[in-house]
Amino acid sequence: MKILVCLSVVPDTTSKITFKNDNSEFNREGVQFIINPYDELALTKAMELAEMNNGTVSIVNVGLADAEPSIRKALAIGANDAYRINTEPKDAMYVAAQIAALARENSYDLILTGRESIDYNGGMMCGLLGEMLNMPSINVVTSIDIENGTVKATRDIDGGKEDVECTLPCVASAQKDLCEPRIPNMRGIMAARTKPLNVREAVNGFDFASYGSYELPPAKAGVKMIPAENAEELFDLLRNEKKVI
């Protein structure tokens, strides 16, 4: 079994986000980048499935050279090899097109993504890849098993969970309850130094979105404290000042 894990690199949630060039460009200076947490879950589950089914795990990242430390960390967790598609990840459609081009060349049995990236929170990659590769896609899975070429998964839906089945090959995205992420050990870190990290150029001919400017959300206002015994004042503020009731 051949498994491909889509890996994005995102700012750590503790990083201070700023923009430059008249708010037209994200300022990467001083920002700590990490593996997208949902993608890390996808990688861990890929390792578990590969171990149970005598498989291999490959990683693909669409990004520039500064993503390679995170890719090496993923290799240290246990992936067999990695691909970095050497282009800026401009939007979800563009990234999916680059990954789909790689996937067509290698005939993967299973492609795993994270539910979403924690920077743009788009949640589109699983569905886009399924459409581009003409594969069934299962979004936000909380469990996934493979038996005799059949995928059995449980996914989150509004108000509950749903059990689904499909045949391989397919695409699935990892939800937070899927597994516990693995921490690379020293042996894995040393082995990652010699594992293949293949760099390939982007496939041209795909449109992508452009952004005119960015802006930060309004600063949070101070909290207004209302005495517990004065519920009438609270209702008055909610109705007349905030106009939420």
C-alpha atoms as a PDB file:
ATOM      1  CA  MET A   1       0.000   0.000   0.000  1.00  0.00           C
ATOM      2  CA  LYS A   2       1.251   3.450  -0.971  1.00  0.00           C
ATOM      3  CA  ILE A   3       0.059   6.379   1.142  1.00  0.00           C
ATOM      4  CA  LEU A   4       0.609  10.063   0.398  1.00  0.00           C
ATOM      5  CA  VAL A   5       0.281  12.641   3.168  1.00  0.00           C
ATOM      6  CA  CYS A   6      -0.243  16.295   2.255  1.00  0.00           C
ATOM      7  CA  LEU A   7       1.779  18.490   4.597  1.00  0.00           C
ATOM      8  CA  SER A   8       1.360  22.231   5.038  1.00  0.00           C
ATOM      9  CA  VAL A   9       3.568  24.521   7.117  1.00  0.00           C
ATOM     10  CA  VAL A  10       1.744  27.188   9.128  1.00  0.00           C
ATOM     11  CA  PRO A  11       2.572  29.916  11.668  1.00  0.00           C
ATOM     12  CA  ASP A  12       2.560  28.796  15.275  1.00  0.00           C
ATOM     13  CA  THR A  13      -0.590  30.028  17.004  1.00  0.00           C
ATOM     14  CA  THR A  14       1.523  32.061  19.456  1.00  0.00           C
ATOM     15  CA  SER A  15       3.150  34.078  16.641  1.00  0.00           C
ATOM     16  CA  LYS A  16       2.295  37.740  16.285  1.00  0.00           C
ATOM     17  CA  ILE A  17       0.833  38.294  12.817  1.00  0.00           C
ATOM     18  CA  THR A  18       1.751  41.455  10.915  1.00  0.00           C
ATOM     19  CA  PHE A  19       1.776  42.627   7.303  1.00  0.00           C
ATOM     20  CA  LYS A  20       4.131  44.695   5.181  1.00  0.00           C
ATOM     21  CA  ASN A  21       4.231  46.615   1.895  1.00  0.00           C
ATOM     22  CA  ASP A  22       1.058  48.582   2.651  1.00  0.00           C
ATOM     23  CA  ASN A  23      -0.658  45.498   4.103  1.00  0.00           C
ATOM     24  CA  SER A  24      -0.361  43.632   0.812  1.00  0.00           C
ATOM     25  CA  GLU A  25       2.008  40.895   2.010  1.00  0.00           C
ATOM     26  CA  PHE A  26       2.276  38.645   5.059  1.00  0.00           C
ATOM     27  CA  ASN A  27       5.350  39.483   7.142  1.00  0.00           C
ATOM     28  CA  ARG A  28       7.243  36.240   7.793  1.00  0.00           C
ATOM     29  CA  GLU A  29      10.000  37.895   9.860  1.00  0.00           C
ATOM     30  CA  GLY A  30      10.141  36.544  13.394  1.00  0.00           C
ATOM     31  CA  VAL A  31       7.325  34.040  12.797  1.00  0.00           C
ATOM     32  CA  GLN A  32       7.778  30.479  14.046  1.00  0.00           C
ATOM     33  CA  PHE A  33       6.486  27.936  11.530  1.00  0.00           C
ATOM     34  CA  ILE A  34       5.254  24.437  12.417  1.00  0.00           C
ATOM     35  CA  ILE A  35       3.655  21.420  10.755  1.00  0.00           C
ATOM     36  CA  ASN A  36      -0.065  22.035  10.480  1.00  0.00           C
ATOM     37  CA  PRO A  37      -1.496  20.087  13.473  1.00  0.00           C
ATOM     38  CA  TYR A  38      -4.254  18.380  11.450  1.00  0.00           C
ATOM     39  CA  ASP A  39      -1.654  17.269   8.888  1.00  0.00           C
ATOM     40  CA  GLU A  40       0.445  15.848  11.711  1.00  0.00           C
ATOM     41  CA  LEU A  41      -2.542  13.710  12.710  1.00  0.00           C
ATOM     42  CA  ALA A  42      -2.875  12.571   9.094  1.00  0.00           C
ATOM     43  CA  LEU A  43       0.794  11.587   9.089  1.00  0.00           C
ATOM     44  CA  THR A  44       0.515   9.614  12.316  1.00  0.00           C
ATOM     45  CA  LYS A  45      -2.521   7.716  11.033  1.00  0.00           C
ATOM     46  CA  ALA A  46      -0.727   7.054   7.754  1.00  0.00           C
ATOM     47  CA  MET A  47       2.149   5.500   9.700  1.00  0.00           C
ATOM     48  CA  GLU A  48      -0.256   3.268  11.638  1.00  0.00           C
ATOM     49  CA  LEU A  49      -2.032   2.117   8.471  1.00  0.00           C
ATOM     50  CA  ALA A  50       1.270   1.489   6.676  1.00  0.00           C
ATOM     51  CA  GLU A  51       2.551  -0.605   9.561  1.00  0.00           C
ATOM     52  CA  MET A  52      -0.619  -2.737   9.546  1.00  0.00           C
ATOM     53  CA  ASN A  53      -0.708  -3.156   5.757  1.00  0.00           C
ATOM     54  CA  ASN A  54       2.991  -3.444   4.844  1.00  0.00           C
ATOM     55  CA  GLY A  55       2.873  -0.037   3.196  1.00  0.00           C
ATOM     56  CA  THR A  56       4.968   3.065   2.607  1.00  0.00           C
ATOM     57  CA  VAL A  57       4.296   6.692   3.460  1.00  0.00           C
ATOM     58  CA  SER A  58       5.352   9.640   1.318  1.00  0.00           C
ATOM     59  CA  ILE A  59       4.976  13.321   2.167  1.00  0.00           C
ATOM     60  CA  VAL A  60       4.228  16.151  -0.221  1.00  0.00           C
ATOM     61  CA  ASN A  61       4.582  19.838   0.590  1.00  0.00           C
ATOM     62  CA  VAL A  62       3.904  22.735  -1.734  1.00  0.00           C
ATOM     63  CA  GLY A  63       6.287  25.424  -0.536  1.00  0.00           C
ATOM     64  CA  LEU A  64       9.687  27.041  -0.652  1.00  0.00           C
ATOM     65  CA  ALA A  65      12.974  25.917   0.871  1.00  0.00           C
ATOM     66  CA  ASP A  66      12.157  27.338   4.313  1.00  0.00           C
ATOM     67  CA  ALA A  67       9.610  24.506   4.729  1.00  0.00           C
ATOM     68  CA  GLU A  68      12.321  21.830   4.706  1.00  0.00           C
ATOM     69  CA  PRO A  69      12.960  21.735   8.489  1.00  0.00           C
ATOM     70  CA  SER A  70       9.301  20.840   9.015  1.00  0.00           C
ATOM     71  CA  ILE A  71       9.484  18.255   6.238  1.00  0.00           C
ATOM     72  CA  ARG A  72      12.541  16.698   7.907  1.00  0.00           C
ATOM     73  CA  LYS A  73      10.594  16.538  11.171  1.00  0.00           C
ATOM     74  CA  ALA A  74       7.857  14.628   9.361  1.00  0.00           C
ATOM     75  CA  LEU A  75      10.489  12.242   7.994  1.00  0.00           C
ATOM     76  CA  ALA A  76      11.788  11.798  11.542  1.00  0.00           C
ATOM     77  CA  ILE A  77       8.290  10.771  12.646  1.00  0.00           C
ATOM     78  CA  GLY A  78       8.635   7.864  10.231  1.00  0.00           C
ATOM     79  CA  ALA A  79       7.674   8.717   6.647  1.00  0.00           C
ATOM     80  CA  ASN A  80       9.754   6.954   3.996  1.00  0.00           C
ATOM     81  CA  ASP A  81      10.368   9.885   1.654  1.00  0.00           C
ATOM     82  CA  ALA A  82       9.159  13.371   0.829  1.00  0.00           C
ATOM     83  CA  TYR A  83       8.473  15.692  -2.091  1.00  0.00           C
ATOM     84  CA  ARG A  84       8.676  19.461  -1.973  1.00  0.00           C
ATOM     85  CA  ILE A  85       7.031  21.198  -4.903  1.00  0.00           C
ATOM     86  CA  ASN A  86       9.094  24.346  -5.237  1.00  0.00           C
ATOM     87  CA  THR A  87       6.497  27.110  -5.427  1.00  0.00           C
ATOM     88  CA  GLU A  88       4.666  29.449  -3.096  1.00  0.00           C
ATOM     89  CA  PRO A  89       1.323  27.928  -1.978  1.00  0.00           C
ATOM     90  CA  LYS A  90      -0.862  30.665  -3.421  1.00  0.00           C
ATOM     91  CA  ASP A  91      -4.326  29.221  -2.728  1.00  0.00           C
ATOM     92  CA  ALA A  92      -6.078  25.885  -2.162  1.00  0.00           C
ATOM     93  CA  MET A  93      -6.934  25.269  -5.824  1.00  0.00           C
ATOM     94  CA  TYR A  94      -3.359  25.910  -6.930  1.00  0.00           C
ATOM     95  CA  VAL A  95      -1.911  23.685  -4.187  1.00  0.00           C
ATOM     96  CA  ALA A  96      -4.366  20.876  -4.960  1.00  0.00           C
ATOM     97  CA  ALA A  97      -3.463  21.013  -8.661  1.00  0.00           C
ATOM     98  CA  GLN A  98       0.240  20.631  -7.835  1.00  0.00           C
ATOM     99  CA  ILE A  99      -0.387  17.688  -5.499  1.00  0.00           C
ATOM    100  CA  ALA A 100      -2.755  16.030  -7.973  1.00  0.00           C
ATOM    101  CA  ALA A 101      -0.081  16.168 -10.685  1.00  0.00           C
ATOM    102  CA  LEU A 102       2.342  14.313  -8.392  1.00  0.00           C
ATOM    103  CA  ALA A 103      -0.309  11.800  -7.313  1.00  0.00           C
ATOM    104  CA  ARG A 104      -1.154  10.873 -10.910  1.00  0.00           C
ATOM    105  CA  GLU A 105       2.468   9.906 -11.514  1.00  0.00           C
ATOM    106  CA  ASN A 106       2.714   7.588  -8.506  1.00  0.00           C
ATOM    107  CA  SER A 107      -0.679   5.851  -8.208  1.00  0.00           C
ATOM    108  CA  TYR A 108      -1.191   6.167  -4.459  1.00  0.00           C
ATOM    109  CA  ASP A 109      -3.755   3.935  -2.768  1.00  0.00           C
ATOM    110  CA  LEU A 110      -4.645   6.460  -0.075  1.00  0.00           C
ATOM    111  CA  ILE A 111      -4.131  10.218   0.180  1.00  0.00           C
ATOM    112  CA  LEU A 112      -4.496  11.825   3.604  1.00  0.00           C
ATOM    113  CA  THR A 113      -4.821  15.531   4.346  1.00  0.00           C
ATOM    114  CA  GLY A 114      -5.597  17.478   7.458  1.00  0.00           C
ATOM    115  CA  ARG A 115      -9.115  18.736   8.041  1.00  0.00           C
ATOM    116  CA  GLU A 116      -7.882  22.263   7.359  1.00  0.00           C
ATOM    117  CA  SER A 117      -4.819  24.418   7.812  1.00  0.00           C
ATOM    118  CA  ILE A 118      -4.911  26.538  10.968  1.00  0.00           C
ATOM    119  CA  ASP A 119      -3.937  29.725   9.119  1.00  0.00           C
ATOM    120  CA  TYR A 120      -6.558  30.028   6.340  1.00  0.00           C
ATOM    121  CA  ASN A 121      -9.006  27.417   7.739  1.00  0.00           C
ATOM    122  CA  GLY A 122     -10.245  26.652   4.237  1.00  0.00           C
ATOM    123  CA  GLY A 123     -10.981  22.941   4.625  1.00  0.00           C
ATOM    124  CA  MET A 124     -11.013  22.416   0.847  1.00  0.00           C
ATOM    125  CA  MET A 125      -8.026  20.195   0.079  1.00  0.00           C
ATOM    126  CA  CYS A 126      -9.664  16.794   0.571  1.00  0.00           C
ATOM    127  CA  GLY A 127     -12.606  17.560  -1.708  1.00  0.00           C
ATOM    128  CA  LEU A 128     -10.480  19.283  -4.340  1.00  0.00           C
ATOM    129  CA  LEU A 129      -8.075  16.360  -4.587  1.00  0.00           C
ATOM    130  CA  GLY A 130     -10.921  13.876  -4.769  1.00  0.00           C
ATOM    131  CA  GLU A 131     -12.456  15.776  -7.678  1.00  0.00           C
ATOM    132  CA  MET A 132      -9.170  16.319  -9.527  1.00  0.00           C
ATOM    133  CA  LEU A 133      -8.132  12.677  -9.176  1.00  0.00           C
ATOM    134  CA  ASN A 134     -11.627  11.222  -9.694  1.00  0.00           C
ATOM    135  CA  MET A 135     -11.465   9.470  -6.308  1.00  0.00           C
ATOM    136  CA  PRO A 136     -14.010   9.244  -3.503  1.00  0.00           C
ATOM    137  CA  SER A 137     -13.212  11.676  -0.678  1.00  0.00           C
ATOM    138  CA  ILE A 138     -14.177  11.379   2.993  1.00  0.00           C
ATOM    139  CA  ASN A 139     -13.924  14.575   4.992  1.00  0.00           C
ATOM    140  CA  VAL A 140     -13.201  15.045   8.745  1.00  0.00           C
ATOM    141  CA  VAL A 141     -12.662  11.386   9.650  1.00  0.00           C
ATOM    142  CA  THR A 142     -12.320  10.446  13.315  1.00  0.00           C
ATOM    143  CA  SER A 143     -11.460   6.804  12.583  1.00  0.00           C
ATOM    144  CA  ILE A 144     -10.300   4.964   9.485  1.00  0.00           C
ATOM    145  CA  ASP A 145      -9.415   1.331   8.829  1.00  0.00           C
ATOM    146  CA  ILE A 146      -8.625  -0.646   5.696  1.00  0.00           C
ATOM    147  CA  GLU A 147      -9.756  -4.231   5.131  1.00  0.00           C
ATOM    148  CA  ASN A 148      -9.218  -6.070   1.842  1.00  0.00           C
ATOM    149  CA  GLY A 149      -9.071  -2.882  -0.201  1.00  0.00           C
ATOM    150  CA  THR A 150     -12.112  -1.334   1.496  1.00  0.00           C
ATOM    151  CA  VAL A 151     -11.911   1.842   3.578  1.00  0.00           C
ATOM    152  CA  LYS A 152     -14.168   1.923   6.637  1.00  0.00           C
ATOM    153  CA  ALA A 153     -14.325   5.345   8.238  1.00  0.00           C
ATOM    154  CA  THR A 154     -16.288   7.370  10.755  1.00  0.00           C
ATOM    155  CA  ARG A 155     -16.687  11.054  10.040  1.00  0.00           C
ATOM    156  CA  ASP A 156     -18.105  14.056  11.853  1.00  0.00           C
ATOM    157  CA  ILE A 157     -21.391  15.445  10.566  1.00  0.00           C
ATOM    158  CA  ASP A 158     -23.709  18.118  11.957  1.00  0.00           C
ATOM    159  CA  GLY A 159     -25.281  16.708  15.087  1.00  0.00           C
ATOM    160  CA  GLY A 160     -23.384  13.430  15.192  1.00  0.00           C
ATOM    161  CA  LYS A 161     -21.198  10.950  13.322  1.00  0.00           C
ATOM    162  CA  GLU A 162     -21.549   8.910  10.151  1.00  0.00           C
ATOM    163  CA  ASP A 163     -20.035   5.538   9.206  1.00  0.00           C
ATOM    164  CA  VAL A 164     -19.031   5.281   5.547  1.00  0.00           C
ATOM    165  CA  GLU A 165     -17.265   2.792   3.279  1.00  0.00           C
ATOM    166  CA  CYS A 166     -15.543   3.073  -0.080  1.00  0.00           C
ATOM    167  CA  THR A 167     -12.963   1.183  -2.099  1.00  0.00           C
ATOM    168  CA  LEU A 168      -9.368   2.256  -2.589  1.00  0.00           C
ATOM    169  CA  PRO A 169      -7.991   4.519  -3.910  1.00  0.00           C
ATOM    170  CA  CYS A 170      -9.509   7.415  -1.976  1.00  0.00           C
ATOM    171  CA  VAL A 171      -8.778  10.710  -0.232  1.00  0.00           C
ATOM    172  CA  ALA A 172      -9.568  11.420   3.431  1.00  0.00           C
ATOM    173  CA  SER A 173      -8.981  14.316   5.812  1.00  0.00           C
ATOM    174  CA  ALA A 174      -7.997  13.977   9.467  1.00  0.00           C
ATOM    175  CA  GLN A 175     -10.108  15.337  12.309  1.00  0.00           C
ATOM    176  CA  LYS A 176      -8.687  15.925  15.795  1.00  0.00           C
ATOM    177  CA  ASP A 177      -9.969  12.662  17.358  1.00  0.00           C
ATOM    178  CA  LEU A 178      -8.341  10.448  14.724  1.00  0.00           C
ATOM    179  CA  CYS A 179      -5.190   9.619  16.714  1.00  0.00           C
ATOM    180  CA  GLU A 180      -2.485  11.006  18.989  1.00  0.00           C
ATOM    181  CA  PRO A 181       0.421  12.631  17.114  1.00  0.00           C
ATOM    182  CA  ARG A 182       3.780  10.895  17.335  1.00  0.00           C
ATOM    183  CA  ILE A 183       6.887  12.599  18.676  1.00  0.00           C
ATOM    184  CA  PRO A 184      10.094  11.890  16.723  1.00  0.00           C
ATOM    185  CA  ASN A 185      12.745  10.039  18.702  1.00  0.00           C
ATOM    186  CA  MET A 186      16.511  10.368  18.331  1.00  0.00           C
ATOM    187  CA  ARG A 187      16.747   7.365  16.030  1.00  0.00           C
ATOM    188  CA  GLY A 188      14.108   8.846  13.753  1.00  0.00           C
ATOM    189  CA  ILE A 189      15.804  12.246  13.749  1.00  0.00           C
ATOM    190  CA  MET A 190      19.116  10.694  12.716  1.00  0.00           C
ATOM    191  CA  ALA A 191      17.461   8.543  10.028  1.00  0.00           C
ATOM    192  CA  ALA A 192      15.616  11.565   8.591  1.00  0.00           C
ATOM    193  CA  ARG A 193      18.914  13.137   7.551  1.00  0.00           C
ATOM    194  CA  THR A 194      19.439  10.495   4.876  1.00  0.00           C
ATOM    195  CA  LYS A 195      15.862   9.936   3.709  1.00  0.00           C
ATOM    196  CA  PRO A 196      15.037  11.216   0.202  1.00  0.00           C
ATOM    197  CA  LEU A 197      13.636  14.750   0.009  1.00  0.00           C
ATOM    198  CA  ASN A 198      12.869  15.254  -3.673  1.00  0.00           C
ATOM    199  CA  VAL A 199      12.451  18.813  -4.949  1.00  0.00           C
ATOM    200  CA  ARG A 200      10.437  19.289  -8.125  1.00  0.00           C
ATOM    201  CA  GLU A 201       9.270  22.378  -9.933  1.00  0.00           C
ATOM    202  CA  ALA A 202       5.647  23.407 -10.100  1.00  0.00           C
ATOM    203  CA  VAL A 203       3.353  22.428 -12.941  1.00  0.00           C
ATOM    204  CA  ASN A 204       2.407  25.553 -14.874  1.00  0.00           C
ATOM    205  CA  GLY A 205      -0.906  26.531 -16.392  1.00  0.00           C
ATOM    206  CA  PHE A 206      -3.058  26.854 -13.266  1.00  0.00           C
ATOM    207  CA  ASP A 207      -4.772  30.056 -12.203  1.00  0.00           C
ATOM    208  CA  PHE A 208      -4.669  31.196  -8.604  1.00  0.00           C
ATOM    209  CA  ALA A 209      -6.220  33.898  -6.464  1.00  0.00           C
ATOM    210  CA  SER A 210      -4.497  37.206  -5.823  1.00  0.00           C
ATOM    211  CA  TYR A 211      -4.912  39.290  -2.691  1.00  0.00           C
ATOM    212  CA  GLY A 212      -5.176  43.062  -2.726  1.00  0.00           C
ATOM    213  CA  SER A 213      -4.609  43.703   0.967  1.00  0.00           C
ATOM    214  CA  TYR A 214      -4.908  42.202   4.425  1.00  0.00           C
ATOM    215  CA  GLU A 215      -6.206  43.703   7.638  1.00  0.00           C
ATOM    216  CA  LEU A 216      -6.180  42.621  11.259  1.00  0.00           C
ATOM    217  CA  PRO A 217      -9.446  42.181  13.168  1.00  0.00           C
ATOM    218  CA  PRO A 218     -10.472  45.059  15.468  1.00  0.00           C
ATOM    219  CA  ALA A 219      -8.780  45.075  18.838  1.00  0.00           C
ATOM    220  CA  LYS A 220     -10.856  43.577  21.599  1.00  0.00           C
ATOM    221  CA  ALA A 221     -12.620  46.121  23.777  1.00  0.00           C
ATOM    222  CA  GLY A 222     -12.452  46.036  27.561  1.00  0.00           C
ATOM    223  CA  VAL A 223     -14.841  43.829  29.474  1.00  0.00           C
ATOM    224  CA  LYS A 224     -17.780  45.562  31.136  1.00  0.00           C
ATOM    225  CA  MET A 225     -18.590  43.979  34.507  1.00  0.00           C
ATOM    226  CA  ILE A 226     -22.229  43.836  35.625  1.00  0.00           C
ATOM    227  CA  PRO A 227     -23.126  42.942  39.225  1.00  0.00           C
ATOM    228  CA  ALA A 228     -24.840  39.568  39.431  1.00  0.00           C
ATOM    229  CA  GLU A 229     -27.887  41.056  41.102  1.00  0.00           C
ATOM    230  CA  ASN A 230     -28.365  43.627  38.306  1.00  0.00           C
ATOM    231  CA  ALA A 231     -29.594  41.438  35.465  1.00  0.00           C
ATOM    232  CA  GLU A 232     -31.850  44.231  34.206  1.00  0.00           C
ATOM    233  CA  GLU A 233     -28.824  46.370  33.303  1.00  0.00           C
ATOM    234  CA  LEU A 234     -27.268  43.441  31.431  1.00  0.00           C
ATOM    235  CA  PHE A 235     -30.390  42.970  29.296  1.00  0.00           C
ATOM    236  CA  ASP A 236     -30.517  46.700  28.615  1.00  0.00           C
ATOM    237  CA  LEU A 237     -26.911  46.720  27.352  1.00  0.00           C
ATOM    238  CA  LEU A 238     -27.432  43.650  25.166  1.00  0.00           C
ATOM    239  CA  ARG A 239     -30.648  45.066  23.682  1.00  0.00           C
ATOM    240  CA  ASN A 240     -29.832  48.753  23.233  1.00  0.00           C
ATOM    241  CA  GLU A 241     -26.029  49.009  23.036  1.00  0.00           C
ATOM    242  CA  LYS A 242     -24.930  45.740  21.417  1.00  0.00           C
ATOM    243  CA  LYS A 243     -28.287  45.054  19.727  1.00  0.00           C
ATOM    244  CA  VAL A 244     -27.893  41.302  19.957  1.00  0.00           C
ATOM    245  CA  ILE A 245     -31.316  40.571  21.491  1.00  0.00           C
END
